[in-house]
Amino acid sequence: MVRLIEVYLINKEVITQKSLEGRPVQGHYCTVREISKTEKIIPEEDEKAIQLVETLVRGKDFRIRIFDVASFKGKIRARLKGVKTTPTIISGDRQIVGVPKKEEFEALLRQ
């Protein structure tokens, strides 16, 4: 029987570059607007949680599902499961909030 492990994380949108677009018309700057280029990144703590889960379940009968709480679907799923912070790891009815220690996560897998 394959067990499911859910990992909840967040892709944060950060501004990588700001620039101005347009040009002034007859001395007025009303046609100039600020453009921001953004990029989505996974926080370091969330990345560590994913790596730990993937490393420790490799070769075992587990399926990993990752949910991004920044997306609509992920936000709804997290609310239904009671997830309030990221990273959160859920297996069955047990939850680990934050990056777990290796021993703590192995104990979760044994149950």
C-alpha atoms as a PDB file:
ATOM      1  CA  MET A   1       0.000   0.000   0.000  1.00  0.00           C
ATOM      2  CA  VAL A   2       1.389   3.394  -1.017  1.00  0.00           C
ATOM      3  CA  ARG A   3       1.172   6.068   1.669  1.00  0.00           C
ATOM      4  CA  LEU A   4       0.749   9.727   0.873  1.00  0.00           C
ATOM      5  CA  ILE A   5       2.962  12.491   2.229  1.00  0.00           C
ATOM      6  CA  GLU A   6       1.814  16.064   1.651  1.00  0.00           C
ATOM      7  CA  VAL A   7       4.239  18.977   1.776  1.00  0.00           C
ATOM      8  CA  TYR A   8       2.857  22.510   1.976  1.00  0.00           C
ATOM      9  CA  LEU A   9       5.141  25.344   0.888  1.00  0.00           C
ATOM     10  CA  ILE A  10       4.909  28.822  -0.568  1.00  0.00           C
ATOM     11  CA  ASN A  11       6.326  30.319  -3.734  1.00  0.00           C
ATOM     12  CA  LYS A  12       7.054  33.924  -2.819  1.00  0.00           C
ATOM     13  CA  GLU A  13       6.954  36.507  -5.569  1.00  0.00           C
ATOM     14  CA  VAL A  14       9.900  38.897  -5.323  1.00  0.00           C
ATOM     15  CA  ILE A  15      10.745  41.930  -7.418  1.00  0.00           C
ATOM     16  CA  THR A  16      13.886  41.344  -9.455  1.00  0.00           C
ATOM     17  CA  GLN A  17      13.973  44.502 -11.563  1.00  0.00           C
ATOM     18  CA  LYS A  18      12.186  47.857 -11.702  1.00  0.00           C
ATOM     19  CA  SER A  19      12.110  50.086 -14.750  1.00  0.00           C
ATOM     20  CA  LEU A  20      10.135  52.930 -16.285  1.00  0.00           C
ATOM     21  CA  GLU A  21       8.159  52.520 -19.470  1.00  0.00           C
ATOM     22  CA  GLY A  22       6.884  55.297 -21.725  1.00  0.00           C
ATOM     23  CA  ARG A  23       8.118  58.802 -22.337  1.00  0.00           C
ATOM     24  CA  PRO A  24       6.995  62.231 -21.280  1.00  0.00           C
ATOM     25  CA  VAL A  25       4.571  63.966 -23.653  1.00  0.00           C
ATOM     26  CA  GLN A  26       4.846  67.773 -23.810  1.00  0.00           C
ATOM     27  CA  GLY A  27       6.601  67.886 -20.475  1.00  0.00           C
ATOM     28  CA  HIS A  28       3.996  65.726 -18.678  1.00  0.00           C
ATOM     29  CA  TYR A  29       5.001  62.440 -17.157  1.00  0.00           C
ATOM     30  CA  CYS A  30       1.485  60.987 -17.068  1.00  0.00           C
ATOM     31  CA  THR A  31       2.336  58.444 -19.790  1.00  0.00           C
ATOM     32  CA  VAL A  32       5.319  57.054 -17.873  1.00  0.00           C
ATOM     33  CA  ARG A  33       4.613  54.081 -15.656  1.00  0.00           C
ATOM     34  CA  GLU A  34       6.749  51.915 -13.434  1.00  0.00           C
ATOM     35  CA  ILE A  35       7.165  48.291 -14.489  1.00  0.00           C
ATOM     36  CA  SER A  36       8.319  45.634 -12.029  1.00  0.00           C
ATOM     37  CA  LYS A  37       9.634  42.270 -13.125  1.00  0.00           C
ATOM     38  CA  THR A  38       9.035  39.550 -10.575  1.00  0.00           C
ATOM     39  CA  GLU A  39      10.205  36.024 -10.014  1.00  0.00           C
ATOM     40  CA  LYS A  40       8.776  33.276  -7.829  1.00  0.00           C
ATOM     41  CA  ILE A  41      11.158  31.659  -5.366  1.00  0.00           C
ATOM     42  CA  ILE A  42      10.787  28.962  -2.740  1.00  0.00           C
ATOM     43  CA  PRO A  43      12.119  30.046   0.678  1.00  0.00           C
ATOM     44  CA  GLU A  44      15.198  28.186   1.900  1.00  0.00           C
ATOM     45  CA  GLU A  45      13.336  26.537   4.786  1.00  0.00           C
ATOM     46  CA  ASP A  46      10.655  25.150   2.450  1.00  0.00           C
ATOM     47  CA  GLU A  47      13.344  23.882   0.064  1.00  0.00           C
ATOM     48  CA  LYS A  48      15.079  22.046   2.934  1.00  0.00           C
ATOM     49  CA  ALA A  49      11.815  20.339   3.898  1.00  0.00           C
ATOM     50  CA  ILE A  50      11.264  19.115   0.334  1.00  0.00           C
ATOM     51  CA  GLN A  51      14.824  17.789   0.074  1.00  0.00           C
ATOM     52  CA  LEU A  52      14.516  15.955   3.407  1.00  0.00           C
ATOM     53  CA  VAL A  53      11.235  14.311   2.409  1.00  0.00           C
ATOM     54  CA  GLU A  54      12.514  13.280  -1.028  1.00  0.00           C
ATOM     55  CA  THR A  55      15.744  11.888   0.413  1.00  0.00           C
ATOM     56  CA  LEU A  56      14.151   9.832   3.191  1.00  0.00           C
ATOM     57  CA  VAL A  57      11.291   8.297   1.167  1.00  0.00           C
ATOM     58  CA  ARG A  58      13.360   7.381  -1.891  1.00  0.00           C
ATOM     59  CA  GLY A  59      12.903   3.701  -2.682  1.00  0.00           C
ATOM     60  CA  LYS A  60      10.010   3.255  -0.235  1.00  0.00           C
ATOM     61  CA  ASP A  61       6.270   2.955  -0.831  1.00  0.00           C
ATOM     62  CA  PHE A  62       5.417   6.630  -0.410  1.00  0.00           C
ATOM     63  CA  ARG A  63       3.922   9.180  -2.762  1.00  0.00           C
ATOM     64  CA  ILE A  64       4.775  12.857  -2.273  1.00  0.00           C
ATOM     65  CA  ARG A  65       2.344  15.645  -3.149  1.00  0.00           C
ATOM     66  CA  ILE A  66       3.521  19.234  -2.944  1.00  0.00           C
ATOM     67  CA  PHE A  67       1.032  22.060  -2.493  1.00  0.00           C
ATOM     68  CA  ASP A  68       1.854  25.727  -3.037  1.00  0.00           C
ATOM     69  CA  VAL A  69      -0.232  27.796  -0.611  1.00  0.00           C
ATOM     70  CA  ALA A  70       0.264  30.838  -2.849  1.00  0.00           C
ATOM     71  CA  SER A  71      -2.011  29.202  -5.450  1.00  0.00           C
ATOM     72  CA  PHE A  72      -5.799  29.095  -5.096  1.00  0.00           C
ATOM     73  CA  LYS A  73      -5.961  25.294  -4.985  1.00  0.00           C
ATOM     74  CA  GLY A  74      -3.094  25.068  -2.509  1.00  0.00           C
ATOM     75  CA  LYS A  75      -4.593  27.749  -0.265  1.00  0.00           C
ATOM     76  CA  ILE A  76      -7.963  25.953  -0.106  1.00  0.00           C
ATOM     77  CA  ARG A  77      -6.307  22.576   0.518  1.00  0.00           C
ATOM     78  CA  ALA A  78      -4.129  24.061   3.280  1.00  0.00           C
ATOM     79  CA  ARG A  79      -7.120  25.666   4.972  1.00  0.00           C
ATOM     80  CA  LEU A  80      -9.045  22.375   4.913  1.00  0.00           C
ATOM     81  CA  LYS A  81      -6.058  20.552   6.465  1.00  0.00           C
ATOM     82  CA  GLY A  82      -5.454  23.259   9.104  1.00  0.00           C
ATOM     83  CA  VAL A  83      -2.077  24.336   7.698  1.00  0.00           C
ATOM     84  CA  LYS A  84      -1.168  27.840   8.877  1.00  0.00           C
ATOM     85  CA  THR A  85       2.571  28.084   8.217  1.00  0.00           C
ATOM     86  CA  THR A  86       5.041  26.658   5.751  1.00  0.00           C
ATOM     87  CA  PRO A  87       6.689  24.274   5.489  1.00  0.00           C
ATOM     88  CA  THR A  88       4.201  21.761   6.868  1.00  0.00           C
ATOM     89  CA  ILE A  89       4.468  18.019   6.274  1.00  0.00           C
ATOM     90  CA  ILE A  90       1.404  15.791   6.678  1.00  0.00           C
ATOM     91  CA  SER A  91       1.265  12.010   6.702  1.00  0.00           C
ATOM     92  CA  GLY A  92      -2.059  10.464   7.623  1.00  0.00           C
ATOM     93  CA  ASP A  93      -3.429  12.447  10.551  1.00  0.00           C
ATOM     94  CA  ARG A  94      -0.039  13.676  11.807  1.00  0.00           C
ATOM     95  CA  GLN A  95       1.507  17.048  11.008  1.00  0.00           C
ATOM     96  CA  ILE A  96       5.022  18.412  11.342  1.00  0.00           C
ATOM     97  CA  VAL A  97       5.348  22.192  11.129  1.00  0.00           C
ATOM     98  CA  GLY A  98       8.713  23.564  10.028  1.00  0.00           C
ATOM     99  CA  VAL A  99      11.757  21.642   8.890  1.00  0.00           C
ATOM    100  CA  PRO A 100      11.795  18.433  10.940  1.00  0.00           C
ATOM    101  CA  LYS A 101      14.864  16.717  12.268  1.00  0.00           C
ATOM    102  CA  LYS A 102      15.689  13.481  10.486  1.00  0.00           C
ATOM    103  CA  GLU A 103      14.671  11.376  13.515  1.00  0.00           C
ATOM    104  CA  GLU A 104      11.352  13.217  13.881  1.00  0.00           C
ATOM    105  CA  PHE A 105      10.471  12.620  10.233  1.00  0.00           C
ATOM    106  CA  GLU A 106      11.506   8.947  10.374  1.00  0.00           C
ATOM    107  CA  ALA A 107       9.200   8.498  13.382  1.00  0.00           C
ATOM    108  CA  LEU A 108       6.365   9.986  11.299  1.00  0.00           C
ATOM    109  CA  LEU A 109       7.088   7.482   8.522  1.00  0.00           C
ATOM    110  CA  ARG A 110       6.970   4.515  10.880  1.00  0.00           C
ATOM    111  CA  GLN A 111       3.407   5.257  11.994  1.00  0.00           C
END
